[in-house]
Amino acid sequence: MNLKSQSMHFVYEAMADTLIAWTRDKLAGHDLSMNINPDAPMIVQVGDYGYEVQSCGGDFAHDGFVIMCKEKPVCKWVGQECIKL
């Protein structure tokens, strides 16, 4: 499978949509249990494992935005289920 890499525009739009939905639902007094919590640590999936983001920023040598993850995984995907380690 050859999937297209995503640009910062795509990632930023997804993150902005999450923040907008969280804020709208919180202000309206809705149940937030099914929303993505924007204050929770960000997880990056690599293969079957998820790693917390440690830092991020630009790197001119790679002509793009770089996300640095912690070394140890915090979760594993089994099928469609994410299991905390």
Protein backbone atom coordinates (compact mmCIF):
# COMPACT_ATOMS: atom_id res chain seq x y z
CA MET A 1 0.00 0.00 0.00
CA ASN A 2 1.41 3.39 -0.98
CA LEU A 3 -0.35 6.18 0.93
CA LYS A 4 0.21 9.86 0.20
CA SER A 5 2.22 11.74 2.84
CA GLN A 6 0.26 14.49 4.54
CA SER A 7 1.30 18.14 4.54
CA MET A 8 1.30 20.53 7.49
CA HIS A 9 -1.85 22.09 6.02
CA PHE A 10 -3.74 18.80 6.34
CA VAL A 11 -2.45 18.10 9.87
CA TYR A 12 -3.12 21.67 11.04
CA GLU A 13 -6.67 21.56 9.67
CA ALA A 14 -7.40 18.28 11.52
CA MET A 15 -5.98 19.73 14.76
CA ALA A 16 -7.92 22.99 14.36
CA ASP A 17 -11.16 21.05 13.74
CA THR A 18 -10.54 19.12 16.98
CA LEU A 19 -10.01 22.32 18.99
CA ILE A 20 -13.08 23.97 17.48
CA ALA A 21 -15.31 20.94 18.21
CA TRP A 22 -13.97 20.63 21.78
CA THR A 23 -14.54 24.31 22.51
CA ARG A 24 -18.01 24.37 20.91
CA ASP A 25 -19.16 21.26 22.80
CA LYS A 26 -17.63 22.41 26.10
CA LEU A 27 -19.33 25.82 25.88
CA ALA A 28 -22.64 24.15 25.01
CA GLY A 29 -22.35 21.87 28.05
CA HIS A 30 -22.24 18.67 25.96
CA ASP A 31 -20.68 15.39 27.09
CA LEU A 32 -17.02 15.52 26.06
CA SER A 33 -16.24 11.83 26.67
CA MET A 34 -16.33 11.00 22.95
CA ASN A 35 -14.28 14.03 21.88
CA ILE A 36 -10.52 14.13 21.40
CA ASN A 37 -9.09 15.92 24.43
CA PRO A 38 -6.77 18.66 23.08
CA ASP A 39 -4.91 18.75 26.43
CA ALA A 40 -3.95 15.04 26.31
CA PRO A 41 -0.48 14.02 25.08
CA MET A 42 -0.26 13.64 21.31
CA ILE A 43 0.43 10.10 20.08
CA VAL A 44 2.15 9.24 16.79
CA GLN A 45 1.49 5.77 15.38
CA VAL A 46 4.46 3.97 13.84
CA GLY A 47 3.51 0.51 12.66
CA ASP A 48 1.54 -1.15 15.43
CA TYR A 49 2.85 1.08 18.23
CA GLY A 50 2.06 4.59 19.49
CA TYR A 51 4.66 7.03 20.82
CA GLU A 52 4.11 10.30 22.71
CA VAL A 53 5.39 13.44 21.02
CA GLN A 54 8.32 14.97 22.91
CA SER A 55 8.84 18.07 20.77
CA CYS A 56 8.27 19.47 17.32
CA GLY A 57 9.55 22.23 15.10
CA GLY A 58 11.15 23.09 11.81
CA ASP A 59 14.32 21.67 10.36
CA PHE A 60 15.74 23.36 7.27
CA ALA A 61 17.80 20.25 6.41
CA HIS A 62 14.56 18.27 5.93
CA ASP A 63 12.56 21.13 4.40
CA GLY A 64 9.67 20.58 6.74
CA PHE A 65 8.12 20.19 10.13
CA VAL A 66 9.73 17.56 12.36
CA ILE A 67 7.98 15.69 15.17
CA MET A 68 10.27 14.08 17.74
CA CYS A 69 8.79 11.20 19.75
CA LYS A 70 9.79 9.63 23.03
CA GLU A 71 11.72 6.35 22.70
CA LYS A 72 9.33 3.94 24.43
CA PRO A 73 5.88 3.17 23.01
CA VAL A 74 2.83 3.93 25.17
CA CYS A 75 0.27 1.85 23.30
CA LYS A 76 -0.18 -0.87 20.71
CA TRP A 77 -2.86 -1.25 18.06
CA VAL A 78 -4.39 -4.70 17.77
CA GLY A 79 -6.86 -4.65 14.89
CA GLN A 80 -8.83 -1.44 15.42
CA GLU A 81 -8.26 -1.34 19.19
CA CYS A 82 -5.59 0.74 20.93
CA ILE A 83 -4.25 -0.93 24.07
CA LYS A 84 -2.24 1.12 26.60
CA LEU A 85 1.10 -0.45 27.54
